[in-house]
Amino acid sequence: MTSDLSAVLDGWPVDRAAVAVIGPSGVLTAAGDDGTFRWASVTKVVTALAVLDVVADGLLSLDTPAGPEGATLRHLLSHASGVAMDSDDVLAAPGTRRIYSNRGIEIAADLAAEAAALSVKELLAQRVLEPLGMTSTLEGSAAHGMSGTIADLAALAAELLTPRQTLPGVVVGASTCAFPGLPGVLPGYGRQTTNDWGLGCEIKDGKSPHWTAPANSPATFGHFGQSGSFLWVDPDVQLACVSLASKGFGPWAVDSWPPLSSTVLRQFG
């Protein structure tokens, strides 16, 4: 299968790329460049797990007021607070629309870091990166500032697929829809009548077109980033797939990612 993955990556219009496939026992196969890449918004998955771990410790509640008036930590993590993409502007009442927001994730991270008496960088390191043996680093925003290798991204996906170091409830929270049925825009794919999101992870549900494969189950959850990165976990087939690239998200990714995921599901599903 490594040769199959390498052949797929060779067809991508990028200078560097990497991919790994993960099962319950760990990495099943990997191919491509083992260097460091920007993760962009896949960072949000790490941040959400760290915040949810602080909640699990009882230092915060998902119902703690945060962000715009009437919003809570739960709203922020699921892009349902109404706060704008990159500012504190409020574009909708909390719980009425799914408005993708870097700023909302940053507010949630700041709140959790304060509750844990740590910096945001320390919070992510102590709560997620170090327990999972990851060497990735955060520079800048907790919404999109992570860089790391495909091995690190695979370690994150493995934990989401089969929790060992984090509490299972943390992963359940990240991957279970909050405020079901909200409409909104899925970045890069347009308006969705139902734009489901967990507390940190996007949930595929019935979205089409989508960045995963048509054969990925509705329960598939994960995230992609504008740097050309993605992570998905399909609990129905007990598989996860991660990829990194040196070229930012665009038409090439829209065309290339679903066939890669289809190959993974066909070979391992």
C-alpha atoms as a PDB file:
ATOM      1  CA  MET A   1       0.000   0.000   0.000  1.00  0.00           C
ATOM      2  CA  THR A   2       2.951   2.339   0.564  1.00  0.00           C
ATOM      3  CA  SER A   3       3.683   2.258  -3.155  1.00  0.00           C
ATOM      4  CA  ASP A   4       0.031   3.034  -3.885  1.00  0.00           C
ATOM      5  CA  LEU A   5       0.138   6.036  -1.557  1.00  0.00           C
ATOM      6  CA  SER A   6       3.414   7.208  -3.067  1.00  0.00           C
ATOM      7  CA  ALA A   7       1.910   6.983  -6.543  1.00  0.00           C
ATOM      8  CA  VAL A   8      -1.067   9.058  -5.437  1.00  0.00           C
ATOM      9  CA  LEU A   9       1.179  11.715  -3.889  1.00  0.00           C
ATOM     10  CA  ASP A  10       3.377  11.785  -7.001  1.00  0.00           C
ATOM     11  CA  GLY A  11       0.329  12.924  -8.949  1.00  0.00           C
ATOM     12  CA  TRP A  12      -0.324  15.907  -6.707  1.00  0.00           C
ATOM     13  CA  PRO A  13       0.809  19.345  -7.997  1.00  0.00           C
ATOM     14  CA  VAL A  14       2.878  20.046  -4.879  1.00  0.00           C
ATOM     15  CA  ASP A  15       6.597  20.116  -4.112  1.00  0.00           C
ATOM     16  CA  ARG A  16       6.331  18.113  -0.882  1.00  0.00           C
ATOM     17  CA  ALA A  17       3.590  15.992   0.660  1.00  0.00           C
ATOM     18  CA  ALA A  18       3.080  13.174   3.136  1.00  0.00           C
ATOM     19  CA  VAL A  19       0.276  10.826   4.127  1.00  0.00           C
ATOM     20  CA  ALA A  20      -0.317   8.203   6.801  1.00  0.00           C
ATOM     21  CA  VAL A  21      -3.084   5.670   7.448  1.00  0.00           C
ATOM     22  CA  ILE A  22      -3.932   4.711  11.015  1.00  0.00           C
ATOM     23  CA  GLY A  23      -5.851   1.796  12.495  1.00  0.00           C
ATOM     24  CA  PRO A  24      -6.636   0.820  16.099  1.00  0.00           C
ATOM     25  CA  SER A  25      -3.138  -0.644  16.506  1.00  0.00           C
ATOM     26  CA  GLY A  26      -1.401   2.476  15.198  1.00  0.00           C
ATOM     27  CA  VAL A  27       0.099   3.549  11.876  1.00  0.00           C
ATOM     28  CA  LEU A  28      -0.642   1.015   9.149  1.00  0.00           C
ATOM     29  CA  THR A  29       1.371   2.686   6.393  1.00  0.00           C
ATOM     30  CA  ALA A  30       2.905   6.046   5.517  1.00  0.00           C
ATOM     31  CA  ALA A  31       4.511   7.686   2.513  1.00  0.00           C
ATOM     32  CA  GLY A  32       6.078  10.949   1.455  1.00  0.00           C
ATOM     33  CA  ASP A  33       8.160  13.650   3.112  1.00  0.00           C
ATOM     34  CA  ASP A  34       8.890  13.217   6.827  1.00  0.00           C
ATOM     35  CA  GLY A  35       9.832  16.868   7.339  1.00  0.00           C
ATOM     36  CA  THR A  36       7.942  19.654   9.072  1.00  0.00           C
ATOM     37  CA  PHE A  37       4.832  21.264   7.563  1.00  0.00           C
ATOM     38  CA  ARG A  38       2.397  23.933   8.668  1.00  0.00           C
ATOM     39  CA  TRP A  39      -0.862  22.473   9.943  1.00  0.00           C
ATOM     40  CA  ALA A  40      -2.969  25.650   9.785  1.00  0.00           C
ATOM     41  CA  SER A  41      -6.508  24.963  11.059  1.00  0.00           C
ATOM     42  CA  VAL A  42      -5.809  21.340  11.974  1.00  0.00           C
ATOM     43  CA  THR A  43      -4.276  23.109  14.989  1.00  0.00           C
ATOM     44  CA  LYS A  44      -7.852  23.584  16.223  1.00  0.00           C
ATOM     45  CA  VAL A  45      -8.116  19.868  16.969  1.00  0.00           C
ATOM     46  CA  VAL A  46      -5.135  20.026  19.330  1.00  0.00           C
ATOM     47  CA  THR A  47      -6.502  23.166  20.972  1.00  0.00           C
ATOM     48  CA  ALA A  48      -9.967  21.690  21.438  1.00  0.00           C
ATOM     49  CA  LEU A  49      -8.585  18.560  23.100  1.00  0.00           C
ATOM     50  CA  ALA A  50      -6.545  20.706  25.481  1.00  0.00           C
ATOM     51  CA  VAL A  51      -9.559  22.856  26.370  1.00  0.00           C
ATOM     52  CA  LEU A  52     -11.772  19.806  26.863  1.00  0.00           C
ATOM     53  CA  ASP A  53      -9.131  18.263  29.109  1.00  0.00           C
ATOM     54  CA  VAL A  54      -9.264  21.371  31.310  1.00  0.00           C
ATOM     55  CA  VAL A  55     -13.056  20.958  31.414  1.00  0.00           C
ATOM     56  CA  ALA A  56     -12.650  17.280  32.348  1.00  0.00           C
ATOM     57  CA  ASP A  57     -10.499  18.383  35.284  1.00  0.00           C
ATOM     58  CA  GLY A  58     -13.334  20.563  36.536  1.00  0.00           C
ATOM     59  CA  LEU A  59     -11.463  23.841  36.078  1.00  0.00           C
ATOM     60  CA  LEU A  60     -14.043  25.053  33.564  1.00  0.00           C
ATOM     61  CA  SER A  61     -17.518  24.112  32.350  1.00  0.00           C
ATOM     62  CA  LEU A  62     -18.711  23.932  28.782  1.00  0.00           C
ATOM     63  CA  ASP A  63     -21.492  26.226  29.991  1.00  0.00           C
ATOM     64  CA  THR A  64     -19.044  28.862  31.252  1.00  0.00           C
ATOM     65  CA  PRO A  65     -19.996  32.212  29.648  1.00  0.00           C
ATOM     66  CA  ALA A  66     -17.374  33.163  27.058  1.00  0.00           C
ATOM     67  CA  GLY A  67     -17.166  35.400  24.019  1.00  0.00           C
ATOM     68  CA  PRO A  68     -20.244  37.386  22.918  1.00  0.00           C
ATOM     69  CA  GLU A  69     -23.100  37.962  25.340  1.00  0.00           C
ATOM     70  CA  GLY A  70     -25.145  34.793  25.708  1.00  0.00           C
ATOM     71  CA  ALA A  71     -22.369  32.552  24.374  1.00  0.00           C
ATOM     72  CA  THR A  72     -20.541  29.807  26.274  1.00  0.00           C
ATOM     73  CA  LEU A  73     -17.374  27.792  25.887  1.00  0.00           C
ATOM     74  CA  ARG A  74     -19.487  25.163  24.114  1.00  0.00           C
ATOM     75  CA  HIS A  75     -20.557  27.754  21.520  1.00  0.00           C
ATOM     76  CA  LEU A  76     -16.971  28.857  20.926  1.00  0.00           C
ATOM     77  CA  LEU A  77     -15.583  25.368  20.366  1.00  0.00           C
ATOM     78  CA  SER A  78     -18.341  24.466  17.910  1.00  0.00           C
ATOM     79  CA  HIS A  79     -18.296  27.700  15.875  1.00  0.00           C
ATOM     80  CA  ALA A  80     -21.784  28.582  17.110  1.00  0.00           C
ATOM     81  CA  SER A  81     -20.983  31.711  19.142  1.00  0.00           C
ATOM     82  CA  GLY A  82     -21.702  34.174  16.343  1.00  0.00           C
ATOM     83  CA  VAL A  83     -18.254  35.762  16.600  1.00  0.00           C
ATOM     84  CA  ALA A  84     -16.560  36.683  13.308  1.00  0.00           C
ATOM     85  CA  MET A  85     -13.681  34.829  11.682  1.00  0.00           C
ATOM     86  CA  ASP A  86     -10.801  36.999  12.890  1.00  0.00           C
ATOM     87  CA  SER A  87     -12.289  39.733  15.057  1.00  0.00           C
ATOM     88  CA  ASP A  88     -14.566  40.225  18.044  1.00  0.00           C
ATOM     89  CA  ASP A  89     -17.396  41.401  15.779  1.00  0.00           C
ATOM     90  CA  VAL A  90     -20.641  39.528  16.437  1.00  0.00           C
ATOM     91  CA  LEU A  91     -22.396  38.413  13.257  1.00  0.00           C
ATOM     92  CA  ALA A  92     -25.269  36.363  14.721  1.00  0.00           C
ATOM     93  CA  ALA A  93     -26.887  35.466  18.009  1.00  0.00           C
ATOM     94  CA  PRO A  94     -25.244  32.500  19.756  1.00  0.00           C
ATOM     95  CA  GLY A  95     -26.642  29.137  18.703  1.00  0.00           C
ATOM     96  CA  THR A  96     -28.333  30.355  15.525  1.00  0.00           C
ATOM     97  CA  ARG A  97     -25.686  29.928  12.812  1.00  0.00           C
ATOM     98  CA  ARG A  98     -22.430  28.060  12.307  1.00  0.00           C
ATOM     99  CA  ILE A  99     -19.916  30.854  11.672  1.00  0.00           C
ATOM    100  CA  TYR A 100     -16.397  29.469  11.332  1.00  0.00           C
ATOM    101  CA  SER A 101     -14.235  31.497  13.685  1.00  0.00           C
ATOM    102  CA  ASN A 102     -10.520  31.514  14.407  1.00  0.00           C
ATOM    103  CA  ARG A 103     -11.219  34.160  17.022  1.00  0.00           C
ATOM    104  CA  GLY A 104     -13.689  31.931  18.849  1.00  0.00           C
ATOM    105  CA  ILE A 105     -11.094  29.175  19.214  1.00  0.00           C
ATOM    106  CA  GLU A 106      -8.528  31.694  20.439  1.00  0.00           C
ATOM    107  CA  ILE A 107     -10.931  32.968  23.104  1.00  0.00           C
ATOM    108  CA  ALA A 108     -11.605  29.387  24.242  1.00  0.00           C
ATOM    109  CA  ALA A 109      -7.873  28.654  24.427  1.00  0.00           C
ATOM    110  CA  ASP A 110      -7.185  31.830  26.413  1.00  0.00           C
ATOM    111  CA  LEU A 111      -9.952  30.967  28.872  1.00  0.00           C
ATOM    112  CA  ALA A 112      -8.663  27.422  29.398  1.00  0.00           C
ATOM    113  CA  ALA A 113      -5.065  28.574  29.755  1.00  0.00           C
ATOM    114  CA  GLU A 114      -6.081  31.097  32.395  1.00  0.00           C
ATOM    115  CA  ALA A 115      -8.036  28.445  34.294  1.00  0.00           C
ATOM    116  CA  ALA A 116      -5.026  26.117  34.221  1.00  0.00           C
ATOM    117  CA  ALA A 117      -2.575  28.928  35.135  1.00  0.00           C
ATOM    118  CA  LEU A 118      -0.547  28.319  31.977  1.00  0.00           C
ATOM    119  CA  SER A 119       0.227  30.088  28.730  1.00  0.00           C
ATOM    120  CA  VAL A 120      -1.668  28.783  25.703  1.00  0.00           C
ATOM    121  CA  LYS A 121       1.539  27.257  24.362  1.00  0.00           C
ATOM    122  CA  GLU A 122       2.173  25.492  27.685  1.00  0.00           C
ATOM    123  CA  LEU A 123      -1.446  24.344  27.814  1.00  0.00           C
ATOM    124  CA  LEU A 124      -1.257  22.599  24.433  1.00  0.00           C
ATOM    125  CA  ALA A 125       2.143  21.114  25.239  1.00  0.00           C
ATOM    126  CA  GLN A 126       1.212  19.746  28.670  1.00  0.00           C
ATOM    127  CA  ARG A 127      -2.309  18.601  27.876  1.00  0.00           C
ATOM    128  CA  VAL A 128      -1.857  17.115  24.377  1.00  0.00           C
ATOM    129  CA  LEU A 129       1.560  17.249  22.729  1.00  0.00           C
ATOM    130  CA  GLU A 130       3.698  15.780  25.493  1.00  0.00           C
ATOM    131  CA  PRO A 131       1.255  13.002  26.539  1.00  0.00           C
ATOM    132  CA  LEU A 132       1.026  11.877  22.904  1.00  0.00           C
ATOM    133  CA  GLY A 133       4.786  12.060  22.342  1.00  0.00           C
ATOM    134  CA  MET A 134       4.418  14.804  19.738  1.00  0.00           C
ATOM    135  CA  THR A 135       7.221  17.260  18.961  1.00  0.00           C
ATOM    136  CA  SER A 136       5.030  19.767  17.116  1.00  0.00           C
ATOM    137  CA  THR A 137       5.280  23.425  18.054  1.00  0.00           C
ATOM    138  CA  LEU A 138       2.787  26.267  18.300  1.00  0.00           C
ATOM    139  CA  GLU A 139       3.809  29.696  17.079  1.00  0.00           C
ATOM    140  CA  GLY A 140       1.106  32.317  17.213  1.00  0.00           C
ATOM    141  CA  SER A 141      -2.594  31.546  17.054  1.00  0.00           C
ATOM    142  CA  ALA A 142      -4.134  28.570  18.855  1.00  0.00           C
ATOM    143  CA  ALA A 143      -6.491  28.394  15.880  1.00  0.00           C
ATOM    144  CA  HIS A 144      -3.895  27.891  13.145  1.00  0.00           C
ATOM    145  CA  GLY A 145      -0.312  28.186  14.424  1.00  0.00           C
ATOM    146  CA  MET A 146       0.893  24.592  14.717  1.00  0.00           C
ATOM    147  CA  SER A 147       3.707  23.037  12.682  1.00  0.00           C
ATOM    148  CA  GLY A 148       4.824  19.419  12.779  1.00  0.00           C
ATOM    149  CA  THR A 149       5.548  16.185  10.956  1.00  0.00           C
ATOM    150  CA  ILE A 150       3.278  13.543   9.498  1.00  0.00           C
ATOM    151  CA  ALA A 151       4.311  11.251  12.373  1.00  0.00           C
ATOM    152  CA  ASP A 152       2.977  13.782  14.879  1.00  0.00           C
ATOM    153  CA  LEU A 153      -0.265  14.229  12.976  1.00  0.00           C
ATOM    154  CA  ALA A 154      -0.635  10.441  12.826  1.00  0.00           C
ATOM    155  CA  ALA A 155      -0.152  10.264  16.616  1.00  0.00           C
ATOM    156  CA  LEU A 156      -2.967  12.782  17.046  1.00  0.00           C
ATOM    157  CA  ALA A 157      -5.247  10.825  14.715  1.00  0.00           C
ATOM    158  CA  ALA A 158      -4.432   7.576  16.528  1.00  0.00           C
ATOM    159  CA  GLU A 159      -5.544   9.125  19.811  1.00  0.00           C
ATOM    160  CA  LEU A 160      -8.787  10.326  18.265  1.00  0.00           C
ATOM    161  CA  LEU A 161      -9.451   6.871  16.829  1.00  0.00           C
ATOM    162  CA  THR A 162      -8.481   4.909  19.962  1.00  0.00           C
ATOM    163  CA  PRO A 163      -8.055   7.151  23.037  1.00  0.00           C
ATOM    164  CA  ARG A 164      -5.241   5.999  25.302  1.00  0.00           C
ATOM    165  CA  GLN A 165      -3.695   9.110  26.844  1.00  0.00           C
ATOM    166  CA  THR A 166      -6.744  11.406  26.960  1.00  0.00           C
ATOM    167  CA  LEU A 167     -10.062  10.670  28.601  1.00  0.00           C
ATOM    168  CA  PRO A 168     -12.437   8.985  26.133  1.00  0.00           C
ATOM    169  CA  GLY A 169     -15.032  11.620  27.020  1.00  0.00           C
ATOM    170  CA  VAL A 170     -12.711  14.297  25.672  1.00  0.00           C
ATOM    171  CA  VAL A 171     -12.674  12.657  22.243  1.00  0.00           C
ATOM    172  CA  VAL A 172     -16.429  12.072  22.394  1.00  0.00           C
ATOM    173  CA  GLY A 173     -16.961  15.769  23.058  1.00  0.00           C
ATOM    174  CA  ALA A 174     -14.730  16.788  20.178  1.00  0.00           C
ATOM    175  CA  SER A 175     -16.500  14.469  17.736  1.00  0.00           C
ATOM    176  CA  THR A 176     -20.174  14.689  18.788  1.00  0.00           C
ATOM    177  CA  CYS A 177     -22.340  17.337  17.152  1.00  0.00           C
ATOM    178  CA  ALA A 178     -23.071  20.390  19.280  1.00  0.00           C
ATOM    179  CA  PHE A 179     -26.151  22.454  18.392  1.00  0.00           C
ATOM    180  CA  PRO A 180     -27.299  20.059  15.633  1.00  0.00           C
ATOM    181  CA  GLY A 181     -28.934  21.351  12.494  1.00  0.00           C
ATOM    182  CA  LEU A 182     -27.328  24.791  12.335  1.00  0.00           C
ATOM    183  CA  PRO A 183     -26.767  26.172   8.842  1.00  0.00           C
ATOM    184  CA  GLY A 184     -23.462  27.699   7.861  1.00  0.00           C
ATOM    185  CA  VAL A 185     -20.587  27.875   5.413  1.00  0.00           C
ATOM    186  CA  LEU A 186     -18.014  25.082   5.299  1.00  0.00           C
ATOM    187  CA  PRO A 187     -14.843  26.947   4.246  1.00  0.00           C
ATOM    188  CA  GLY A 188     -13.888  26.029   0.702  1.00  0.00           C
ATOM    189  CA  TYR A 189     -17.120  24.102   0.084  1.00  0.00           C
ATOM    190  CA  GLY A 190     -19.863  26.673   0.415  1.00  0.00           C
ATOM    191  CA  ARG A 191     -23.100  26.991   2.313  1.00  0.00           C
ATOM    192  CA  GLN A 192     -24.471  23.917   4.034  1.00  0.00           C
ATOM    193  CA  THR A 193     -28.096  23.670   5.123  1.00  0.00           C
ATOM    194  CA  THR A 194     -26.840  21.530   8.005  1.00  0.00           C
ATOM    195  CA  ASN A 195     -23.246  22.301   8.937  1.00  0.00           C
ATOM    196  CA  ASP A 196     -22.559  19.905  11.797  1.00  0.00           C
ATOM    197  CA  TRP A 197     -19.609  20.481  14.091  1.00  0.00           C
ATOM    198  CA  GLY A 198     -18.400  18.942  17.314  1.00  0.00           C
ATOM    199  CA  LEU A 199     -16.407  20.695  20.014  1.00  0.00           C
ATOM    200  CA  GLY A 200     -13.373  21.214  17.806  1.00  0.00           C
ATOM    201  CA  CYS A 201     -13.886  18.753  14.942  1.00  0.00           C
ATOM    202  CA  GLU A 202     -16.013  19.066  11.832  1.00  0.00           C
ATOM    203  CA  ILE A 203     -18.482  16.201  11.362  1.00  0.00           C
ATOM    204  CA  LYS A 204     -19.166  15.006   7.826  1.00  0.00           C
ATOM    205  CA  ASP A 205     -22.804  13.939   8.263  1.00  0.00           C
ATOM    206  CA  GLY A 206     -24.541  14.448   4.880  1.00  0.00           C
ATOM    207  CA  LYS A 207     -22.337  17.208   3.469  1.00  0.00           C
ATOM    208  CA  SER A 208     -21.659  16.987  -0.241  1.00  0.00           C
ATOM    209  CA  PRO A 209     -19.307  17.914  -1.798  1.00  0.00           C
ATOM    210  CA  HIS A 210     -16.849  17.247   0.979  1.00  0.00           C
ATOM    211  CA  TRP A 211     -13.094  16.994   1.420  1.00  0.00           C
ATOM    212  CA  THR A 212     -13.292  13.327   2.495  1.00  0.00           C
ATOM    213  CA  ALA A 213     -14.354  10.499   0.177  1.00  0.00           C
ATOM    214  CA  PRO A 214     -17.991   9.828  -0.748  1.00  0.00           C
ATOM    215  CA  ALA A 215     -17.544   6.428   0.929  1.00  0.00           C
ATOM    216  CA  ASN A 216     -16.513   7.953   4.260  1.00  0.00           C
ATOM    217  CA  SER A 217     -19.344   7.410   6.754  1.00  0.00           C
ATOM    218  CA  PRO A 218     -21.493  10.292   8.040  1.00  0.00           C
ATOM    219  CA  ALA A 219     -19.809   9.759  11.432  1.00  0.00           C
ATOM    220  CA  THR A 220     -16.422  10.784   9.998  1.00  0.00           C
ATOM    221  CA  PHE A 221     -14.898  13.699  11.875  1.00  0.00           C
ATOM    222  CA  GLY A 222     -11.737  15.761  11.649  1.00  0.00           C
ATOM    223  CA  HIS A 223     -10.433  18.977  10.139  1.00  0.00           C
ATOM    224  CA  PHE A 224      -8.555  20.366   7.185  1.00  0.00           C
ATOM    225  CA  GLY A 225      -6.286  23.381   6.996  1.00  0.00           C
ATOM    226  CA  GLN A 226      -5.566  26.120   4.509  1.00  0.00           C
ATOM    227  CA  SER A 227      -1.923  24.990   4.482  1.00  0.00           C
ATOM    228  CA  GLY A 228      -2.953  21.851   2.572  1.00  0.00           C
ATOM    229  CA  SER A 229      -3.336  19.612   5.623  1.00  0.00           C
ATOM    230  CA  PHE A 230      -6.096  17.248   6.704  1.00  0.00           C
ATOM    231  CA  LEU A 231      -7.007  14.717   9.372  1.00  0.00           C
ATOM    232  CA  TRP A 232     -10.061  12.482   9.300  1.00  0.00           C
ATOM    233  CA  VAL A 233     -11.238   9.675  11.553  1.00  0.00           C
ATOM    234  CA  ASP A 234     -13.967   7.286  10.409  1.00  0.00           C
ATOM    235  CA  PRO A 235     -15.162   5.370  13.485  1.00  0.00           C
ATOM    236  CA  ASP A 236     -17.454   3.144  11.429  1.00  0.00           C
ATOM    237  CA  VAL A 237     -14.494   1.474   9.699  1.00  0.00           C
ATOM    238  CA  GLN A 238     -11.943   2.124  12.479  1.00  0.00           C
ATOM    239  CA  LEU A 239      -9.585   4.016  10.207  1.00  0.00           C
ATOM    240  CA  ALA A 240      -7.969   7.431  10.179  1.00  0.00           C
ATOM    241  CA  CYS A 241      -5.994   9.241   7.504  1.00  0.00           C
ATOM    242  CA  VAL A 242      -3.755  12.305   7.709  1.00  0.00           C
ATOM    243  CA  SER A 243      -1.952  14.322   5.079  1.00  0.00           C
ATOM    244  CA  LEU A 244       0.328  17.343   4.867  1.00  0.00           C
ATOM    245  CA  ALA A 245       1.456  19.360   1.855  1.00  0.00           C
ATOM    246  CA  SER A 246       3.681  22.286   0.976  1.00  0.00           C
ATOM    247  CA  LYS A 247       0.947  23.928  -1.127  1.00  0.00           C
ATOM    248  CA  GLY A 248      -2.034  25.722   0.351  1.00  0.00           C
ATOM    249  CA  PHE A 249      -5.607  24.464   0.024  1.00  0.00           C
ATOM    250  CA  GLY A 250      -7.197  25.125  -3.358  1.00  0.00           C
ATOM    251  CA  PRO A 251      -8.749  23.389  -6.371  1.00  0.00           C
ATOM    252  CA  TRP A 252      -5.916  20.855  -6.368  1.00  0.00           C
ATOM    253  CA  ALA A 253      -6.944  19.679  -2.882  1.00  0.00           C
ATOM    254  CA  VAL A 254     -10.640  19.596  -3.764  1.00  0.00           C
ATOM    255  CA  ASP A 255      -9.740  17.303  -6.669  1.00  0.00           C
ATOM    256  CA  SER A 256      -7.027  15.227  -4.965  1.00  0.00           C
ATOM    257  CA  TRP A 257      -8.106  14.541  -1.392  1.00  0.00           C
ATOM    258  CA  PRO A 258     -11.283  12.477  -1.981  1.00  0.00           C
ATOM    259  CA  PRO A 259      -9.542  10.008  -4.346  1.00  0.00           C
ATOM    260  CA  LEU A 260      -6.771   9.526  -1.782  1.00  0.00           C
ATOM    261  CA  SER A 261      -9.333   8.809   0.918  1.00  0.00           C
ATOM    262  CA  SER A 262     -11.179   6.457  -1.427  1.00  0.00           C
ATOM    263  CA  THR A 263      -7.945   4.539  -1.984  1.00  0.00           C
ATOM    264  CA  VAL A 264      -7.401   4.275   1.771  1.00  0.00           C
ATOM    265  CA  LEU A 265     -10.931   3.018   2.397  1.00  0.00           C
ATOM    266  CA  ARG A 266     -10.723   0.519  -0.455  1.00  0.00           C
ATOM    267  CA  GLN A 267      -7.414  -0.921   0.763  1.00  0.00           C
ATOM    268  CA  PHE A 268      -8.044  -0.929   4.498  1.00  0.00           C
ATOM    269  CA  GLY A 269     -11.775  -0.491   5.113  1.00  0.00           C
END
